[in-house]
PDB file of all heavy atoms in Angstrom:
ATOM      1  N   ILE A   1     -44.309 -16.651 -35.767  1.00  0.00           N
ATOM      2  CA  ILE A   1     -43.347 -17.001 -36.821  1.00  0.00           C
ATOM      3  C   ILE A   1     -42.925 -18.467 -36.697  1.00  0.00           C
ATOM      4  O   ILE A   1     -42.830 -19.190 -37.699  1.00  0.00           O
ATOM      5  CB  ILE A   1     -42.120 -16.073 -36.728  1.00  0.00           C
ATOM      6  CG1 ILE A   1     -42.535 -14.645 -37.058  1.00  0.00           C
ATOM      7  CG2 ILE A   1     -41.012 -16.535 -37.666  1.00  0.00           C
ATOM      8  CD1 ILE A   1     -41.430 -13.630 -36.897  1.00  0.00           C
ATOM      9  N   ILE A   2     -42.700 -18.925 -35.461  1.00  0.00           N
ATOM     10  CA  ILE A   2     -42.311 -20.326 -35.264  1.00  0.00           C
ATOM     11  C   ILE A   2     -43.423 -21.255 -35.741  1.00  0.00           C
ATOM     12  O   ILE A   2     -43.168 -22.291 -36.401  1.00  0.00           O
ATOM     13  CB  ILE A   2     -41.981 -20.591 -33.780  1.00  0.00           C
ATOM     14  CG1 ILE A   2     -40.798 -19.711 -33.329  1.00  0.00           C
ATOM     15  CG2 ILE A   2     -41.652 -22.053 -33.540  1.00  0.00           C
ATOM     16  CD1 ILE A   2     -40.539 -19.727 -31.841  1.00  0.00           C
ATOM     17  N   ASP A   3     -44.694 -20.898 -35.422  1.00  0.00           N
ATOM     18  CA  ASP A   3     -45.826 -21.728 -35.860  1.00  0.00           C
ATOM     19  C   ASP A   3     -45.872 -21.841 -37.370  1.00  0.00           C
ATOM     20  O   ASP A   3     -46.132 -22.934 -37.925  1.00  0.00           O
ATOM     21  CB  ASP A   3     -47.146 -21.121 -35.344  1.00  0.00           C
ATOM     22  CG  ASP A   3     -47.269 -21.221 -33.830  1.00  0.00           C
ATOM     23  OD1 ASP A   3     -46.560 -22.070 -33.237  1.00  0.00           O
ATOM     24  OD2 ASP A   3     -48.051 -20.446 -33.238  1.00  0.00           O
ATOM     25  N   ARG A   4     -45.617 -20.754 -38.072  1.00  0.00           N
ATOM     26  CA  ARG A   4     -45.676 -20.779 -39.548  1.00  0.00           C
ATOM     27  C   ARG A   4     -44.620 -21.723 -40.110  1.00  0.00           C
ATOM     28  O   ARG A   4     -44.928 -22.527 -40.999  1.00  0.00           O
ATOM     29  CB  ARG A   4     -45.461 -19.356 -40.075  1.00  0.00           C
ATOM     30  CG  ARG A   4     -45.321 -19.273 -41.593  1.00  0.00           C
ATOM     31  CD  ARG A   4     -45.562 -17.860 -42.094  1.00  0.00           C
ATOM     32  NE  ARG A   4     -44.743 -16.875 -41.437  1.00  0.00           N
ATOM     33  CZ  ARG A   4     -43.474 -16.625 -41.777  1.00  0.00           C
ATOM     34  NH1 ARG A   4     -42.896 -17.288 -42.740  1.00  0.00           N
ATOM     35  NH2 ARG A   4     -42.808 -15.691 -41.141  1.00  0.00           N
ATOM     36  N   PHE A   5     -43.403 -21.665 -39.577  1.00  0.00           N
ATOM     37  CA  PHE A   5     -42.361 -22.556 -40.078  1.00  0.00           C
ATOM     38  C   PHE A   5     -42.639 -24.007 -39.677  1.00  0.00           C
ATOM     39  O   PHE A   5     -42.340 -24.933 -40.429  1.00  0.00           O
ATOM     40  CB  PHE A   5     -40.996 -22.122 -39.529  1.00  0.00           C
ATOM     41  CG  PHE A   5     -40.324 -21.069 -40.344  1.00  0.00           C
ATOM     42  CD1 PHE A   5     -40.471 -19.727 -40.028  1.00  0.00           C
ATOM     43  CD2 PHE A   5     -39.554 -21.407 -41.452  1.00  0.00           C
ATOM     44  CE1 PHE A   5     -39.855 -18.741 -40.780  1.00  0.00           C
ATOM     45  CE2 PHE A   5     -38.932 -20.423 -42.211  1.00  0.00           C
ATOM     46  CZ  PHE A   5     -39.082 -19.085 -41.874  1.00  0.00           C
ATOM     47  N   GLU A   6     -43.238 -24.192 -38.499  1.00  0.00           N
ATOM     48  CA  GLU A   6     -43.511 -25.556 -38.038  1.00  0.00           C
ATOM     49  C   GLU A   6     -44.566 -26.218 -38.907  1.00  0.00           C
ATOM     50  O   GLU A   6     -44.520 -27.440 -39.145  1.00  0.00           O
ATOM     51  CB  GLU A   6     -43.949 -25.511 -36.574  1.00  0.00           C
ATOM     52  CG  GLU A   6     -43.893 -26.865 -35.885  1.00  0.00           C
ATOM     53  CD  GLU A   6     -44.006 -26.749 -34.377  1.00  0.00           C
ATOM     54  OE1 GLU A   6     -44.549 -25.730 -33.907  1.00  0.00           O
ATOM     55  OE2 GLU A   6     -43.561 -27.672 -33.689  1.00  0.00           O
ATOM     56  N   LEU A   7     -45.505 -25.448 -39.427  1.00  0.00           N
ATOM     57  CA  LEU A   7     -46.559 -26.004 -40.273  1.00  0.00           C
ATOM     58  C   LEU A   7     -46.074 -26.267 -41.693  1.00  0.00           C
ATOM     59  O   LEU A   7     -46.568 -27.188 -42.362  1.00  0.00           O
ATOM     60  CB  LEU A   7     -47.763 -25.048 -40.308  1.00  0.00           C
ATOM     61  CG  LEU A   7     -48.561 -24.928 -38.996  1.00  0.00           C
ATOM     62  CD1 LEU A   7     -49.595 -23.818 -39.098  1.00  0.00           C
ATOM     63  CD2 LEU A   7     -49.244 -26.259 -38.676  1.00  0.00           C
ATOM     64  N   THR A   8     -45.119 -25.483 -42.172  1.00  0.00           N
ATOM     65  CA  THR A   8     -44.705 -25.581 -43.580  1.00  0.00           C
ATOM     66  C   THR A   8     -43.390 -26.324 -43.780  1.00  0.00           C
ATOM     67  O   THR A   8     -42.975 -26.523 -44.925  1.00  0.00           O
ATOM     68  CB  THR A   8     -44.553 -24.169 -44.172  1.00  0.00           C
ATOM     69  OG1 THR A   8     -43.588 -23.437 -43.407  1.00  0.00           O
ATOM     70  CG2 THR A   8     -45.884 -23.438 -44.163  1.00  0.00           C
ATOM     71  N   LYS A   9     -42.713 -26.725 -42.714  1.00  0.00           N
ATOM     72  CA  LYS A   9     -41.412 -27.400 -42.884  1.00  0.00           C
ATOM     73  C   LYS A   9     -41.612 -28.740 -43.579  1.00  0.00           C
ATOM     74  O   LYS A   9     -42.611 -29.445 -43.378  1.00  0.00           O
ATOM     75  CB  LYS A   9     -40.744 -27.590 -41.517  1.00  0.00           C
ATOM     76  CG  LYS A   9     -41.484 -28.530 -40.573  1.00  0.00           C
ATOM     77  CD  LYS A   9     -40.768 -28.645 -39.237  1.00  0.00           C
ATOM     78  CE  LYS A   9     -41.541 -29.584 -38.305  1.00  0.00           C
ATOM     79  NZ  LYS A   9     -40.892 -29.733 -37.010  1.00  0.00           N
ATOM     80  N   GLU A  10     -40.631 -29.089 -44.422  1.00  0.00           N
ATOM     81  CA  GLU A  10     -40.698 -30.315 -45.190  1.00  0.00           C
ATOM     82  C   GLU A  10     -39.813 -31.410 -44.614  1.00  0.00           C
ATOM     83  O   GLU A  10     -39.941 -32.572 -44.998  1.00  0.00           O
ATOM     84  CB  GLU A  10     -40.269 -30.024 -46.643  1.00  0.00           C
ATOM     85  CG  GLU A  10     -41.203 -29.051 -47.358  1.00  0.00           C
ATOM     86  CD  GLU A  10     -40.733 -28.764 -48.774  1.00  0.00           C
ATOM     87  OE1 GLU A  10     -39.672 -29.322 -49.158  1.00  0.00           O
ATOM     88  OE2 GLU A  10     -41.410 -28.008 -49.486  1.00  0.00           O
ATOM     89  N   GLN A  11     -38.891 -31.089 -43.709  1.00  0.00           N
ATOM     90  CA  GLN A  11     -37.991 -32.087 -43.161  1.00  0.00           C
ATOM     91  C   GLN A  11     -38.364 -32.388 -41.707  1.00  0.00           C
ATOM     92  O   GLN A  11     -39.091 -31.638 -41.062  1.00  0.00           O
ATOM     93  CB  GLN A  11     -36.538 -31.578 -43.240  1.00  0.00           C
ATOM     94  CG  GLN A  11     -36.301 -30.282 -42.494  1.00  0.00           C
ATOM     95  CD  GLN A  11     -35.020 -29.604 -42.913  1.00  0.00           C
ATOM     96  OE1 GLN A  11     -35.058 -28.622 -43.613  1.00  0.00           O
ATOM     97  NE2 GLN A  11     -33.902 -30.148 -42.480  1.00  0.00           N
ATOM     98  N   ASN A  12     -37.849 -33.498 -41.229  1.00  0.00           N
ATOM     99  CA  ASN A  12     -38.153 -33.946 -39.873  1.00  0.00           C
ATOM    100  C   ASN A  12     -37.205 -33.261 -38.891  1.00  0.00           C
ATOM    101  O   ASN A  12     -36.133 -33.773 -38.579  1.00  0.00           O
ATOM    102  CB  ASN A  12     -38.006 -35.474 -39.792  1.00  0.00           C
ATOM    103  CG  ASN A  12     -38.323 -35.993 -38.390  1.00  0.00           C
ATOM    104  OD1 ASN A  12     -39.045 -35.350 -37.628  1.00  0.00           O
ATOM    105  ND2 ASN A  12     -37.782 -37.153 -38.062  1.00  0.00           N
ATOM    106  N   VAL A  13     -37.603 -32.082 -38.432  1.00  0.00           N
ATOM    107  CA  VAL A  13     -36.807 -31.301 -37.484  1.00  0.00           C
ATOM    108  C   VAL A  13     -37.703 -30.918 -36.307  1.00  0.00           C
ATOM    109  O   VAL A  13     -38.830 -30.464 -36.485  1.00  0.00           O
ATOM    110  CB  VAL A  13     -36.236 -30.029 -38.143  1.00  0.00           C
ATOM    111  CG1 VAL A  13     -35.479 -29.208 -37.110  1.00  0.00           C
ATOM    112  CG2 VAL A  13     -35.309 -30.389 -39.287  1.00  0.00           C
ATOM    113  N   ILE A  14     -37.175 -31.089 -35.084  1.00  0.00           N
ATOM    114  CA  ILE A  14     -37.934 -30.787 -33.870  1.00  0.00           C
ATOM    115  C   ILE A  14     -37.739 -29.314 -33.510  1.00  0.00           C
ATOM    116  O   ILE A  14     -36.621 -28.796 -33.525  1.00  0.00           O
ATOM    117  CB  ILE A  14     -37.464 -31.682 -32.702  1.00  0.00           C
ATOM    118  CG1 ILE A  14     -37.673 -33.160 -33.062  1.00  0.00           C
ATOM    119  CG2 ILE A  14     -38.197 -31.329 -31.414  1.00  0.00           C
ATOM    120  CD1 ILE A  14     -37.029 -34.113 -32.073  1.00  0.00           C
ATOM    121  N   PHE A  15     -38.858 -28.639 -33.195  1.00  0.00           N
ATOM    122  CA  PHE A  15     -38.807 -27.248 -32.737  1.00  0.00           C
ATOM    123  C   PHE A  15     -38.968 -27.223 -31.224  1.00  0.00           C
ATOM    124  O   PHE A  15     -39.943 -27.767 -30.695  1.00  0.00           O
ATOM    125  CB  PHE A  15     -39.919 -26.410 -33.370  1.00  0.00           C
ATOM    126  CG  PHE A  15     -39.634 -25.990 -34.791  1.00  0.00           C
ATOM    127  CD1 PHE A  15     -38.591 -26.571 -35.500  1.00  0.00           C
ATOM    128  CD2 PHE A  15     -40.377 -25.003 -35.414  1.00  0.00           C
ATOM    129  CE1 PHE A  15     -38.311 -26.186 -36.804  1.00  0.00           C
ATOM    130  CE2 PHE A  15     -40.107 -24.611 -36.712  1.00  0.00           C
ATOM    131  CZ  PHE A  15     -39.072 -25.205 -37.410  1.00  0.00           C
ATOM    132  N   GLU A  16     -38.010 -26.605 -30.523  1.00  0.00           N
ATOM    133  CA  GLU A  16     -38.078 -26.483 -29.061  1.00  0.00           C
ATOM    134  C   GLU A  16     -38.133 -25.005 -28.687  1.00  0.00           C
ATOM    135  O   GLU A  16     -37.318 -24.214 -29.150  1.00  0.00           O
ATOM    136  CB  GLU A  16     -36.852 -27.135 -28.403  1.00  0.00           C
ATOM    137  CG  GLU A  16     -36.905 -27.072 -26.887  1.00  0.00           C
ATOM    138  CD  GLU A  16     -35.668 -27.694 -26.246  1.00  0.00           C
ATOM    139  OE1 GLU A  16     -34.733 -28.065 -26.981  1.00  0.00           O
ATOM    140  OE2 GLU A  16     -35.639 -27.800 -25.011  1.00  0.00           O
ATOM    141  N   ARG A  17     -39.089 -24.645 -27.854  1.00  0.00           N
ATOM    142  CA  ARG A  17     -39.271 -23.244 -27.473  1.00  0.00           C
ATOM    143  C   ARG A  17     -38.921 -23.055 -26.001  1.00  0.00           C
ATOM    144  O   ARG A  17     -39.380 -23.808 -25.144  1.00  0.00           O
ATOM    145  CB  ARG A  17     -40.721 -22.807 -27.710  1.00  0.00           C
ATOM    146  CG  ARG A  17     -41.226 -23.158 -29.095  1.00  0.00           C
ATOM    147  CD  ARG A  17     -42.612 -22.632 -29.336  1.00  0.00           C
ATOM    148  NE  ARG A  17     -43.224 -23.274 -30.506  1.00  0.00           N
ATOM    149  CZ  ARG A  17     -44.191 -22.761 -31.235  1.00  0.00           C
ATOM    150  NH1 ARG A  17     -44.681 -21.573 -30.921  1.00  0.00           N
ATOM    151  NH2 ARG A  17     -44.685 -23.408 -32.270  1.00  0.00           N
ATOM    152  N   LYS A  18     -38.093 -22.057 -25.741  1.00  0.00           N
ATOM    153  CA  LYS A  18     -37.732 -21.681 -24.372  1.00  0.00           C
ATOM    154  C   LYS A  18     -38.042 -20.202 -24.213  1.00  0.00           C
ATOM    155  O   LYS A  18     -37.143 -19.342 -24.206  1.00  0.00           O
ATOM    156  CB  LYS A  18     -36.250 -21.959 -24.108  1.00  0.00           C
ATOM    157  CG  LYS A  18     -35.883 -23.429 -24.147  1.00  0.00           C
ATOM    158  CD  LYS A  18     -34.409 -23.628 -23.840  1.00  0.00           C
ATOM    159  CE  LYS A  18     -34.036 -25.111 -23.834  1.00  0.00           C
ATOM    160  NZ  LYS A  18     -32.596 -25.316 -23.544  1.00  0.00           N
ATOM    161  N   LEU A  19     -39.330 -19.901 -24.109  1.00  0.00           N
ATOM    162  CA  LEU A  19     -39.790 -18.513 -24.092  1.00  0.00           C
ATOM    163  C   LEU A  19     -40.494 -18.204 -22.780  1.00  0.00           C
ATOM    164  O   LEU A  19     -41.127 -19.087 -22.184  1.00  0.00           O
ATOM    165  CB  LEU A  19     -40.744 -18.257 -25.264  1.00  0.00           C
ATOM    166  CG  LEU A  19     -40.221 -18.615 -26.658  1.00  0.00           C
ATOM    167  CD1 LEU A  19     -41.301 -18.378 -27.699  1.00  0.00           C
ATOM    168  CD2 LEU A  19     -38.984 -17.811 -26.989  1.00  0.00           C
ATOM    169  N   PRO A  20     -40.423 -16.963 -22.292  1.00  0.00           N
ATOM    170  CA  PRO A  20     -41.137 -16.582 -21.072  1.00  0.00           C
ATOM    171  C   PRO A  20     -42.648 -16.728 -21.260  1.00  0.00           C
ATOM    172  O   PRO A  20     -43.170 -16.650 -22.375  1.00  0.00           O
ATOM    173  CB  PRO A  20     -40.733 -15.123 -20.868  1.00  0.00           C
ATOM    174  CG  PRO A  20     -39.490 -14.939 -21.672  1.00  0.00           C
ATOM    175  CD  PRO A  20     -39.601 -15.866 -22.829  1.00  0.00           C
ATOM    176  N   LYS A  21     -43.345 -16.916 -20.154  1.00  0.00           N
ATOM    177  CA  LYS A  21     -44.809 -17.055 -20.206  1.00  0.00           C
ATOM    178  C   LYS A  21     -45.507 -15.696 -20.226  1.00  0.00           C
ATOM    179  O   LYS A  21     -46.642 -15.591 -20.679  1.00  0.00           O
ATOM    180  CB  LYS A  21     -45.295 -17.858 -18.990  1.00  0.00           C
ATOM    181  CG  LYS A  21     -44.715 -19.265 -18.897  1.00  0.00           C
ATOM    182  CD  LYS A  21     -45.107 -20.112 -20.087  1.00  0.00           C
ATOM    183  CE  LYS A  21     -44.551 -21.528 -19.948  1.00  0.00           C
ATOM    184  NZ  LYS A  21     -44.874 -22.351 -21.129  1.00  0.00           N
ATOM    185  N   HIS A  22     -44.829 -14.649 -19.774  1.00  0.00           N
ATOM    186  CA  HIS A  22     -45.446 -13.334 -19.702  1.00  0.00           C
ATOM    187  C   HIS A  22     -45.133 -12.532 -20.964  1.00  0.00           C
ATOM    188  O   HIS A  22     -44.254 -12.902 -21.754  1.00  0.00           O
ATOM    189  CB  HIS A  22     -44.969 -12.572 -18.468  1.00  0.00           C
ATOM    190  CG  HIS A  22     -43.479 -12.420 -18.427  1.00  0.00           C
ATOM    191  ND1 HIS A  22     -42.668 -13.326 -17.781  1.00  0.00           N
ATOM    192  CD2 HIS A  22     -42.659 -11.484 -18.958  1.00  0.00           C
ATOM    193  CE1 HIS A  22     -41.432 -12.957 -17.920  1.00  0.00           C
ATOM    194  NE2 HIS A  22     -41.380 -11.836 -18.638  1.00  0.00           N
ATOM    195  N   ALA A  23     -45.825 -11.422 -21.124  1.00  0.00           N
ATOM    196  CA  ALA A  23     -45.647 -10.576 -22.303  1.00  0.00           C
ATOM    197  C   ALA A  23     -44.353  -9.779 -22.202  1.00  0.00           C
ATOM    198  O   ALA A  23     -43.878  -9.469 -21.111  1.00  0.00           O
ATOM    199  CB  ALA A  23     -46.834  -9.632 -22.455  1.00  0.00           C
ATOM    200  N   ALA A  24     -43.746  -9.474 -23.372  1.00  0.00           N
ATOM    201  CA  ALA A  24     -42.557  -8.644 -23.447  1.00  0.00           C
ATOM    202  C   ALA A  24     -42.745  -7.686 -24.622  1.00  0.00           C
ATOM    203  O   ALA A  24     -42.600  -8.075 -25.776  1.00  0.00           O
ATOM    204  CB  ALA A  24     -41.310  -9.503 -23.631  1.00  0.00           C
ATOM    205  N   PHE A  25     -43.089  -6.446 -24.338  1.00  0.00           N
ATOM    206  CA  PHE A  25     -43.426  -5.476 -25.382  1.00  0.00           C
ATOM    207  C   PHE A  25     -42.166  -4.738 -25.852  1.00  0.00           C
ATOM    208  O   PHE A  25     -41.402  -4.211 -25.043  1.00  0.00           O
ATOM    209  CB  PHE A  25     -44.458  -4.475 -24.863  1.00  0.00           C
ATOM    210  CG  PHE A  25     -45.837  -5.071 -24.713  1.00  0.00           C
ATOM    211  CD1 PHE A  25     -46.248  -5.587 -23.487  1.00  0.00           C
ATOM    212  CD2 PHE A  25     -46.707  -5.135 -25.794  1.00  0.00           C
ATOM    213  CE1 PHE A  25     -47.502  -6.140 -23.343  1.00  0.00           C
ATOM    214  CE2 PHE A  25     -47.957  -5.685 -25.652  1.00  0.00           C
ATOM    215  CZ  PHE A  25     -48.372  -6.192 -24.420  1.00  0.00           C
ATOM    216  N   VAL A  26     -41.970  -4.733 -27.173  1.00  0.00           N
ATOM    217  CA  VAL A  26     -40.879  -3.991 -27.794  1.00  0.00           C
ATOM    218  C   VAL A  26     -41.439  -3.195 -28.964  1.00  0.00           C
ATOM    219  O   VAL A  26     -42.468  -3.558 -29.547  1.00  0.00           O
ATOM    220  CB  VAL A  26     -39.756  -4.931 -28.282  1.00  0.00           C
ATOM    221  CG1 VAL A  26     -39.048  -5.564 -27.126  1.00  0.00           C
ATOM    222  CG2 VAL A  26     -40.306  -5.986 -29.220  1.00  0.00           C
ATOM    223  N   GLU A  27     -40.730  -2.122 -29.316  1.00  0.00           N
ATOM    224  CA  GLU A  27     -41.182  -1.278 -30.417  1.00  0.00           C
ATOM    225  C   GLU A  27     -40.367  -1.634 -31.661  1.00  0.00           C
ATOM    226  O   GLU A  27     -39.176  -1.332 -31.741  1.00  0.00           O
ATOM    227  CB  GLU A  27     -40.990   0.196 -30.050  1.00  0.00           C
ATOM    228  CG  GLU A  27     -41.735   1.134 -30.983  1.00  0.00           C
ATOM    229  CD  GLU A  27     -41.672   2.581 -30.516  1.00  0.00           C
ATOM    230  OE1 GLU A  27     -40.954   2.843 -29.529  1.00  0.00           O
ATOM    231  OE2 GLU A  27     -42.325   3.428 -31.130  1.00  0.00           O
TER     232      GLU A  27
END
């Protein structure tokens, strides 16, 4: 989802990600 917004954004806004490197499975 972040990639989609980063590709289509029209304004100059920086995206910073602070996500774990391992998988996290949710239902």
